[in-house]
PDB file of N, CA and C in Angstrom:
ATOM      1  N   MET A   1       5.024 -31.411  45.883  1.00  0.00           N
ATOM      2  CA  MET A   1       4.621 -30.076  46.261  1.00  0.00           C
ATOM      3  C   MET A   1       5.041 -29.103  45.171  1.00  0.00           C
ATOM      4  N   THR A   2       4.121 -28.258  44.736  1.00  0.00           N
ATOM      5  CA  THR A   2       4.453 -27.276  43.719  1.00  0.00           C
ATOM      6  C   THR A   2       4.936 -25.998  44.384  1.00  0.00           C
ATOM      7  N   MET A   3       5.725 -25.248  43.648  1.00  0.00           N
ATOM      8  CA  MET A   3       6.226 -23.986  44.172  1.00  0.00           C
ATOM      9  C   MET A   3       5.102 -22.958  44.152  1.00  0.00           C
ATOM     10  N   PRO A   4       4.998 -22.139  45.202  1.00  0.00           N
ATOM     11  CA  PRO A   4       3.962 -21.111  45.237  1.00  0.00           C
ATOM     12  C   PRO A   4       4.221 -20.057  44.164  1.00  0.00           C
ATOM     13  N   ARG A   5       3.156 -19.453  43.632  1.00  0.00           N
ATOM     14  CA  ARG A   5       3.318 -18.495  42.540  1.00  0.00           C
ATOM     15  C   ARG A   5       2.873 -17.091  42.921  1.00  0.00           C
ATOM     16  N   SER A   6       1.789 -16.936  43.625  1.00  0.00           N
ATOM     17  CA  SER A   6       1.326 -15.597  43.963  1.00  0.00           C
ATOM     18  C   SER A   6       2.075 -15.101  45.191  1.00  0.00           C
ATOM     19  N   LEU A   7       2.047 -13.804  45.382  1.00  0.00           N
ATOM     20  CA  LEU A   7       2.706 -13.220  46.547  1.00  0.00           C
ATOM     21  C   LEU A   7       2.150 -13.821  47.829  1.00  0.00           C
ATOM     22  N   GLN A   8       0.836 -13.931  47.918  1.00  0.00           N
ATOM     23  CA  GLN A   8       0.220 -14.495  49.115  1.00  0.00           C
ATOM     24  C   GLN A   8       0.672 -15.930  49.336  1.00  0.00           C
ATOM     25  N   GLU A   9       0.749 -16.711  48.253  1.00  0.00           N
ATOM     26  CA  GLU A   9       1.207 -18.099  48.377  1.00  0.00           C
ATOM     27  C   GLU A   9       2.662 -18.159  48.826  1.00  0.00           C
ATOM     28  N   ILE A  10       3.493 -17.262  48.309  1.00  0.00           N
ATOM     29  CA  ILE A  10       4.903 -17.233  48.711  1.00  0.00           C
ATOM     30  C   ILE A  10       5.023 -16.907  50.189  1.00  0.00           C
ATOM     31  N   LEU A  11       4.283 -15.899  50.647  1.00  0.00           N
ATOM     32  CA  LEU A  11       4.344 -15.517  52.059  1.00  0.00           C
ATOM     33  C   LEU A  11       3.817 -16.630  52.955  1.00  0.00           C
ATOM     34  N   GLU A  12       2.715 -17.255  52.559  1.00  0.00           N
ATOM     35  CA  GLU A  12       2.173 -18.359  53.348  1.00  0.00           C
ATOM     36  C   GLU A  12       3.142 -19.533  53.378  1.00  0.00           C
ATOM     37  N   HIS A  13       3.768 -19.820  52.240  1.00  0.00           N
ATOM     38  CA  HIS A  13       4.737 -20.914  52.164  1.00  0.00           C
ATOM     39  C   HIS A  13       5.948 -20.614  53.046  1.00  0.00           C
ATOM     40  N   ALA A  14       6.434 -19.378  53.002  1.00  0.00           N
ATOM     41  CA  ALA A  14       7.579 -18.997  53.830  1.00  0.00           C
ATOM     42  C   ALA A  14       7.231 -19.097  55.313  1.00  0.00           C
ATOM     43  N   ASP A  15       6.042 -18.636  55.683  1.00  0.00           N
ATOM     44  CA  ASP A  15       5.620 -18.740  57.081  1.00  0.00           C
ATOM     45  C   ASP A  15       5.502 -20.198  57.510  1.00  0.00           C
ATOM     46  N   GLN A  16       4.965 -21.029  56.626  1.00  0.00           N
ATOM     47  CA  GLN A  16       4.834 -22.456  56.925  1.00  0.00           C
ATOM     48  C   GLN A  16       6.209 -23.092  57.121  1.00  0.00           C
ATOM     49  N   LEU A  17       7.140 -22.786  56.234  1.00  0.00           N
ATOM     50  CA  LEU A  17       8.493 -23.340  56.372  1.00  0.00           C
ATOM     51  C   LEU A  17       9.178 -22.823  57.626  1.00  0.00           C
ATOM     52  N   GLU A  18       8.967 -21.553  57.934  1.00  0.00           N
ATOM     53  CA  GLU A  18       9.567 -20.995  59.140  1.00  0.00           C
ATOM     54  C   GLU A  18       9.067 -21.735  60.379  1.00  0.00           C
ATOM     55  N   ARG A  19       7.762 -22.023  60.426  1.00  0.00           N
ATOM     56  CA  ARG A  19       7.211 -22.778  61.565  1.00  0.00           C
ATOM     57  C   ARG A  19       7.800 -24.186  61.619  1.00  0.00           C
ATOM     58  N   ARG A  20       7.928 -24.827  60.444  1.00  0.00           N
ATOM     59  CA  ARG A  20       8.495 -26.181  60.410  1.00  0.00           C
ATOM     60  C   ARG A  20       9.931 -26.182  60.904  1.00  0.00           C
ATOM     61  N   PHE A  21      10.711 -25.192  60.487  1.00  0.00           N
ATOM     62  CA  PHE A  21      12.103 -25.123  60.930  1.00  0.00           C
ATOM     63  C   PHE A  21      12.185 -24.814  62.420  1.00  0.00           C
ATOM     64  N   ALA A  22      11.294 -23.965  62.911  1.00  0.00           N
ATOM     65  CA  ALA A  22      11.310 -23.619  64.329  1.00  0.00           C
ATOM     66  C   ALA A  22      10.973 -24.836  65.190  1.00  0.00           C
ATOM     67  N   ASP A  23      10.107 -25.708  64.690  1.00  0.00           N
ATOM     68  CA  ASP A  23       9.692 -26.895  65.439  1.00  0.00           C
ATOM     69  C   ASP A  23      10.586 -28.106  65.199  1.00  0.00           C
ATOM     70  N   HIS A  24      11.552 -27.977  64.308  1.00  0.00           N
ATOM     71  CA  HIS A  24      12.403 -29.113  63.940  1.00  0.00           C
ATOM     72  C   HIS A  24      13.324 -29.514  65.089  1.00  0.00           C
ATOM     73  N   GLU A  25      13.408 -30.788  65.322  1.00  0.00           N
ATOM     74  CA  GLU A  25      14.335 -31.345  66.300  1.00  0.00           C
ATOM     75  C   GLU A  25      15.513 -31.938  65.536  1.00  0.00           C
ATOM     76  N   PRO A  26      16.693 -31.335  65.615  1.00  0.00           N
ATOM     77  CA  PRO A  26      17.820 -31.789  64.794  1.00  0.00           C
ATOM     78  C   PRO A  26      18.528 -33.035  65.307  1.00  0.00           C
ATOM     79  N   ALA A  27      17.893 -33.821  66.145  1.00  0.00           N
ATOM     80  CA  ALA A  27      18.536 -35.020  66.684  1.00  0.00           C
ATOM     81  C   ALA A  27      18.917 -36.003  65.583  1.00  0.00           C
ATOM     82  N   ASP A  28      18.161 -36.003  64.488  1.00  0.00           N
ATOM     83  CA  ASP A  28      18.450 -36.933  63.408  1.00  0.00           C
ATOM     84  C   ASP A  28      19.421 -36.348  62.374  1.00  0.00           C
ATOM     85  N   VAL A  29      19.939 -35.180  62.651  1.00  0.00           N
ATOM     86  CA  VAL A  29      20.859 -34.512  61.734  1.00  0.00           C
ATOM     87  C   VAL A  29      22.206 -34.354  62.422  1.00  0.00           C
ATOM     88  N   ARG A  30      23.266 -34.782  61.747  1.00  0.00           N
ATOM     89  CA  ARG A  30      24.601 -34.683  62.347  1.00  0.00           C
ATOM     90  C   ARG A  30      25.060 -33.238  62.456  1.00  0.00           C
ATOM     91  N   ASP A  31      24.805 -32.458  61.409  1.00  0.00           N
ATOM     92  CA  ASP A  31      25.217 -31.065  61.400  1.00  0.00           C
ATOM     93  C   ASP A  31      23.990 -30.207  61.128  1.00  0.00           C
ATOM     94  N   ALA A  32      23.506 -29.547  62.155  1.00  0.00           N
ATOM     95  CA  ALA A  32      22.285 -28.758  62.026  1.00  0.00           C
ATOM     96  C   ALA A  32      22.536 -27.401  61.381  1.00  0.00           C
ATOM     97  N   GLU A  33      23.788 -27.008  61.206  1.00  0.00           N
ATOM     98  CA  GLU A  33      24.094 -25.688  60.655  1.00  0.00           C
ATOM     99  C   GLU A  33      23.436 -25.430  59.297  1.00  0.00           C
ATOM    100  N   PRO A  34      23.446 -26.392  58.364  1.00  0.00           N
ATOM    101  CA  PRO A  34      22.766 -26.129  57.084  1.00  0.00           C
ATOM    102  C   PRO A  34      21.272 -25.851  57.254  1.00  0.00           C
ATOM    103  N   LEU A  35      20.639 -26.523  58.207  1.00  0.00           N
ATOM    104  CA  LEU A  35      19.218 -26.265  58.450  1.00  0.00           C
ATOM    105  C   LEU A  35      19.007 -24.892  59.062  1.00  0.00           C
ATOM    106  N   HIS A  36      19.904 -24.482  59.926  1.00  0.00           N
ATOM    107  CA  HIS A  36      19.804 -23.143  60.510  1.00  0.00           C
ATOM    108  C   HIS A  36      19.964 -22.084  59.418  1.00  0.00           C
ATOM    109  N   ALA A  37      20.912 -22.301  58.517  1.00  0.00           N
ATOM    110  CA  ALA A  37      21.118 -21.359  57.415  1.00  0.00           C
ATOM    111  C   ALA A  37      19.885 -21.308  56.519  1.00  0.00           C
ATOM    112  N   LEU A  38      19.284 -22.465  56.263  1.00  0.00           N
ATOM    113  CA  LEU A  38      18.081 -22.516  55.439  1.00  0.00           C
ATOM    114  C   LEU A  38      16.918 -21.819  56.137  1.00  0.00           C
ATOM    115  N   ARG A  39      16.763 -22.060  57.414  1.00  0.00           N
ATOM    116  CA  ARG A  39      15.704 -21.397  58.188  1.00  0.00           C
ATOM    117  C   ARG A  39      15.872 -19.889  58.115  1.00  0.00           C
ATOM    118  N   ASP A  40      17.098 -19.411  58.296  1.00  0.00           N
ATOM    119  CA  ASP A  40      17.359 -17.976  58.246  1.00  0.00           C
ATOM    120  C   ASP A  40      17.037 -17.406  56.867  1.00  0.00           C
ATOM    121  N   ALA A  41      17.394 -18.151  55.820  1.00  0.00           N
ATOM    122  CA  ALA A  41      17.110 -17.697  54.454  1.00  0.00           C
ATOM    123  C   ALA A  41      15.608 -17.614  54.201  1.00  0.00           C
ATOM    124  N   VAL A  42      14.851 -18.594  54.705  1.00  0.00           N
ATOM    125  CA  VAL A  42      13.393 -18.583  54.545  1.00  0.00           C
ATOM    126  C   VAL A  42      12.798 -17.379  55.266  1.00  0.00           C
ATOM    127  N   THR A  43      13.280 -17.108  56.458  1.00  0.00           N
ATOM    128  CA  THR A  43      12.800 -15.956  57.226  1.00  0.00           C
ATOM    129  C   THR A  43      13.112 -14.657  56.493  1.00  0.00           C
ATOM    130  N   GLU A  44      14.333 -14.542  55.979  1.00  0.00           N
ATOM    131  CA  GLU A  44      14.727 -13.344  55.234  1.00  0.00           C
ATOM    132  C   GLU A  44      13.899 -13.188  53.965  1.00  0.00           C
ATOM    133  N   ARG A  45      13.628 -14.304  53.291  1.00  0.00           N
ATOM    134  CA  ARG A  45      12.833 -14.246  52.062  1.00  0.00           C
ATOM    135  C   ARG A  45      11.441 -13.710  52.349  1.00  0.00           C
ATOM    136  N   ALA A  46      10.818 -14.200  53.409  1.00  0.00           N
ATOM    137  CA  ALA A  46       9.475 -13.737  53.754  1.00  0.00           C
ATOM    138  C   ALA A  46       9.487 -12.244  54.063  1.00  0.00           C
ATOM    139  N   ALA A  47      10.479 -11.803  54.824  1.00  0.00           N
ATOM    140  CA  ALA A  47      10.581 -10.381  55.161  1.00  0.00           C
ATOM    141  C   ALA A  47      10.822  -9.542  53.909  1.00  0.00           C
ATOM    142  N   THR A  48      11.669 -10.038  53.022  1.00  0.00           N
ATOM    143  CA  THR A  48      11.952  -9.320  51.780  1.00  0.00           C
ATOM    144  C   THR A  48      10.712  -9.235  50.904  1.00  0.00           C
ATOM    145  N   GLU A  49       9.974 -10.320  50.786  1.00  0.00           N
ATOM    146  CA  GLU A  49       8.744 -10.302  49.989  1.00  0.00           C
ATOM    147  C   GLU A  49       7.748  -9.291  50.551  1.00  0.00           C
ATOM    148  N   ARG A  50       7.667  -9.200  51.872  1.00  0.00           N
ATOM    149  CA  ARG A  50       6.759  -8.221  52.480  1.00  0.00           C
ATOM    150  C   ARG A  50       7.215  -6.794  52.169  1.00  0.00           C
ATOM    151  N   ARG A  51       8.536  -6.544  52.244  1.00  0.00           N
ATOM    152  CA  ARG A  51       9.063  -5.209  51.933  1.00  0.00           C
ATOM    153  C   ARG A  51       8.813  -4.860  50.464  1.00  0.00           C
ATOM    154  N   ILE A  52       9.015  -5.820  49.577  1.00  0.00           N
ATOM    155  CA  ILE A  52       8.763  -5.576  48.157  1.00  0.00           C
ATOM    156  C   ILE A  52       7.287  -5.257  47.940  1.00  0.00           C
ATOM    157  N   SER A  53       6.419  -6.022  48.556  1.00  0.00           N
ATOM    158  CA  SER A  53       4.983  -5.788  48.419  1.00  0.00           C
ATOM    159  C   SER A  53       4.608  -4.388  48.896  1.00  0.00           C
ATOM    160  N   GLU A  54       5.155  -3.980  50.032  1.00  0.00           N
ATOM    161  CA  GLU A  54       4.889  -2.635  50.556  1.00  0.00           C
ATOM    162  C   GLU A  54       5.430  -1.568  49.611  1.00  0.00           C
ATOM    163  N   ALA A  55       6.625  -1.793  49.062  1.00  0.00           N
ATOM    164  CA  ALA A  55       7.223  -0.828  48.139  1.00  0.00           C
ATOM    165  C   ALA A  55       6.400  -0.719  46.857  1.00  0.00           C
ATOM    166  N   VAL A  56       5.904  -1.842  46.363  1.00  0.00           N
ATOM    167  CA  VAL A  56       5.052  -1.822  45.171  1.00  0.00           C
ATOM    168  C   VAL A  56       3.772  -1.048  45.467  1.00  0.00           C
ATOM    169  N   THR A  57       3.171  -1.303  46.608  1.00  0.00           N
ATOM    170  CA  THR A  57       1.956  -0.585  46.996  1.00  0.00           C
ATOM    171  C   THR A  57       2.216   0.913  47.052  1.00  0.00           C
ATOM    172  N   ASN A  58       3.313   1.304  47.688  1.00  0.00           N
ATOM    173  CA  ASN A  58       3.653   2.725  47.790  1.00  0.00           C
ATOM    174  C   ASN A  58       3.911   3.327  46.412  1.00  0.00           C
ATOM    175  N   ALA A  59       4.591   2.583  45.556  1.00  0.00           N
ATOM    176  CA  ALA A  59       4.871   3.071  44.205  1.00  0.00           C
ATOM    177  C   ALA A  59       3.572   3.272  43.424  1.00  0.00           C
ATOM    178  N   ARG A  60       2.670   2.321  43.517  1.00  0.00           N
ATOM    179  CA  ARG A  60       1.392   2.448  42.809  1.00  0.00           C
ATOM    180  C   ARG A  60       0.591   3.629  43.342  1.00  0.00           C
ATOM    181  N   GLN A  61       0.593   3.816  44.665  1.00  0.00           N
ATOM    182  CA  GLN A  61      -0.126   4.949  45.246  1.00  0.00           C
ATOM    183  C   GLN A  61       0.477   6.278  44.807  1.00  0.00           C
ATOM    184  N   ALA A  62       1.770   6.267  44.472  1.00  0.00           N
ATOM    185  CA  ALA A  62       2.449   7.470  43.993  1.00  0.00           C
ATOM    186  C   ALA A  62       2.298   7.641  42.481  1.00  0.00           C
ATOM    187  N   GLY A  63       1.587   6.717  41.837  1.00  0.00           N
ATOM    188  CA  GLY A  63       1.320   6.838  40.415  1.00  0.00           C
ATOM    189  C   GLY A  63       2.346   6.198  39.503  1.00  0.00           C
ATOM    190  N   VAL A  64       3.240   5.382  40.048  1.00  0.00           N
ATOM    191  CA  VAL A  64       4.247   4.705  39.233  1.00  0.00           C
ATOM    192  C   VAL A  64       3.557   3.620  38.409  1.00  0.00           C
ATOM    193  N   SER A  65       3.931   3.518  37.146  1.00  0.00           N
ATOM    194  CA  SER A  65       3.295   2.547  36.246  1.00  0.00           C
ATOM    195  C   SER A  65       3.746   1.128  36.564  1.00  0.00           C
ATOM    196  N   TRP A  66       2.902   0.175  36.156  1.00  0.00           N
ATOM    197  CA  TRP A  66       3.271  -1.232  36.314  1.00  0.00           C
ATOM    198  C   TRP A  66       4.506  -1.556  35.487  1.00  0.00           C
ATOM    199  N   SER A  67       4.656  -0.897  34.357  1.00  0.00           N
ATOM    200  CA  SER A  67       5.828  -1.125  33.511  1.00  0.00           C
ATOM    201  C   SER A  67       7.114  -0.743  34.248  1.00  0.00           C
ATOM    202  N   ALA A  68       7.109   0.413  34.911  1.00  0.00           N
ATOM    203  CA  ALA A  68       8.291   0.852  35.663  1.00  0.00           C
ATOM    204  C   ALA A  68       8.551  -0.071  36.852  1.00  0.00           C
ATOM    205  N   ILE A  69       7.493  -0.479  37.526  1.00  0.00           N
ATOM    206  CA  ILE A  69       7.642  -1.394  38.663  1.00  0.00           C
ATOM    207  C   ILE A  69       8.209  -2.721  38.181  1.00  0.00           C
ATOM    208  N   GLY A  70       7.657  -3.243  37.097  1.00  0.00           N
ATOM    209  CA  GLY A  70       8.164  -4.494  36.538  1.00  0.00           C
ATOM    210  C   GLY A  70       9.630  -4.387  36.178  1.00  0.00           C
ATOM    211  N   GLY A  71      10.028  -3.258  35.597  1.00  0.00           N
ATOM    212  CA  GLY A  71      11.430  -3.053  35.250  1.00  0.00           C
ATOM    213  C   GLY A  71      12.340  -3.122  36.461  1.00  0.00           C
ATOM    214  N   MET A  72      11.906  -2.530  37.562  1.00  0.00           N
ATOM    215  CA  MET A  72      12.707  -2.575  38.795  1.00  0.00           C
ATOM    216  C   MET A  72      12.776  -3.985  39.371  1.00  0.00           C
ATOM    217  N   LEU A  73      11.731  -4.757  39.146  1.00  0.00           N
ATOM    218  CA  LEU A  73      11.683  -6.129  39.661  1.00  0.00           C
ATOM    219  C   LEU A  73      12.335  -7.128  38.708  1.00  0.00           C
ATOM    220  N   GLY A  74      12.738  -6.656  37.540  1.00  0.00           N
ATOM    221  CA  GLY A  74      13.365  -7.551  36.572  1.00  0.00           C
ATOM    222  C   GLY A  74      12.370  -8.409  35.819  1.00  0.00           C
ATOM    223  N   THR A  75      11.168  -7.886  35.645  1.00  0.00           N
ATOM    224  CA  THR A  75      10.118  -8.625  34.954  1.00  0.00           C
ATOM    225  C   THR A  75       9.294  -7.645  34.134  1.00  0.00           C
ATOM    226  N   SER A  76       8.268  -8.117  33.504  1.00  0.00           N
ATOM    227  CA  SER A  76       7.396  -7.224  32.738  1.00  0.00           C
ATOM    228  C   SER A  76       6.403  -6.537  33.671  1.00  0.00           C
ATOM    229  N   GLY A  77       5.845  -5.451  33.186  1.00  0.00           N
ATOM    230  CA  GLY A  77       4.817  -4.765  33.954  1.00  0.00           C
ATOM    231  C   GLY A  77       3.610  -5.648  34.192  1.00  0.00           C
ATOM    232  N   GLU A  78       3.252  -6.439  33.185  1.00  0.00           N
ATOM    233  CA  GLU A  78       2.103  -7.344  33.315  1.00  0.00           C
ATOM    234  C   GLU A  78       2.359  -8.405  34.379  1.00  0.00           C
ATOM    235  N   ALA A  79       3.568  -8.962  34.391  1.00  0.00           N
ATOM    236  CA  ALA A  79       3.898  -9.976  35.406  1.00  0.00           C
ATOM    237  C   ALA A  79       3.877  -9.355  36.799  1.00  0.00           C
ATOM    238  N   ALA A  80       4.389  -8.139  36.927  1.00  0.00           N
ATOM    239  CA  ALA A  80       4.373  -7.451  38.223  1.00  0.00           C
ATOM    240  C   ALA A  80       2.936  -7.188  38.659  1.00  0.00           C
ATOM    241  N   ARG A  81       2.108  -6.739  37.722  1.00  0.00           N
ATOM    242  CA  ARG A  81       0.710  -6.462  38.052  1.00  0.00           C
ATOM    243  C   ARG A  81      -0.002  -7.721  38.518  1.00  0.00           C
ATOM    244  N   LYS A  82       0.218  -8.830  37.818  1.00  0.00           N
ATOM    245  CA  LYS A  82      -0.431 -10.086  38.206  1.00  0.00           C
ATOM    246  C   LYS A  82       0.000 -10.531  39.596  1.00  0.00           C
ATOM    247  N   ARG A  83       1.255 -10.300  39.918  1.00  0.00           N
ATOM    248  CA  ARG A  83       1.767 -10.783  41.199  1.00  0.00           C
ATOM    249  C   ARG A  83       1.411  -9.867  42.365  1.00  0.00           C
ATOM    250  N   TYR A  84       1.405  -8.554  42.133  1.00  0.00           N
ATOM    251  CA  TYR A  84       1.270  -7.620  43.247  1.00  0.00           C
ATOM    252  C   TYR A  84      -0.002  -6.780  43.243  1.00  0.00           C
ATOM    253  N   ALA A  85      -0.849  -6.895  42.243  1.00  0.00           N
ATOM    254  CA  ALA A  85      -2.027  -6.029  42.156  1.00  0.00           C
ATOM    255  C   ALA A  85      -2.947  -6.176  43.354  1.00  0.00           C
ATOM    256  N   VAL A  86      -3.142  -7.380  43.833  1.00  0.00           N
ATOM    257  CA  VAL A  86      -4.052  -7.597  44.971  1.00  0.00           C
ATOM    258  C   VAL A  86      -3.541  -6.874  46.205  1.00  0.00           C
ATOM    259  N   SER A  87      -2.249  -7.001  46.508  1.00  0.00           N
ATOM    260  CA  SER A  87      -1.719  -6.335  47.698  1.00  0.00           C
ATOM    261  C   SER A  87      -1.712  -4.827  47.509  1.00  0.00           C
ATOM    262  N   ALA A  88      -1.499  -4.340  46.289  1.00  0.00           N
ATOM    263  CA  ALA A  88      -1.501  -2.901  46.038  1.00  0.00           C
ATOM    264  C   ALA A  88      -2.906  -2.321  46.180  1.00  0.00           C
ATOM    265  N   LYS A  89      -3.935  -3.095  45.836  1.00  0.00           N
ATOM    266  CA  LYS A  89      -5.313  -2.619  45.941  1.00  0.00           C
ATOM    267  C   LYS A  89      -5.822  -2.621  47.374  1.00  0.00           C
ATOM    268  N   THR A  90      -5.339  -3.543  48.197  1.00  0.00           N
ATOM    269  CA  THR A  90      -5.866  -3.666  49.554  1.00  0.00           C
ATOM    270  C   THR A  90      -5.230  -2.680  50.512  1.00  0.00           C
ATOM    271  N   ALA A  91      -4.183  -2.005  50.090  1.00  0.00           N
ATOM    272  CA  ALA A  91      -3.499  -1.060  50.988  1.00  0.00           C
ATOM    273  C   ALA A  91      -4.224   0.263  51.027  1.00  0.00           C
TER     274      ALA A  91
END
């Protein structure tokens, strides 16, 4: 399985993992705590990605450049644009 790259793929992957963890029966696991921690992290990641996407959309609507957005995200403006442009346009 390859790691998701686009924002939509990340969100879909996180939702898929969240469903898998929710349906998991830990009978075959001696200590389910690590799985619970992982499930919580996946849920938090999905929520964080959604908040970032919304913040990027709001920033773009306010006229913030892709370069400035990329700087805040720790990447280049071009990388930020490639990752978030679709969600920023659909808002």
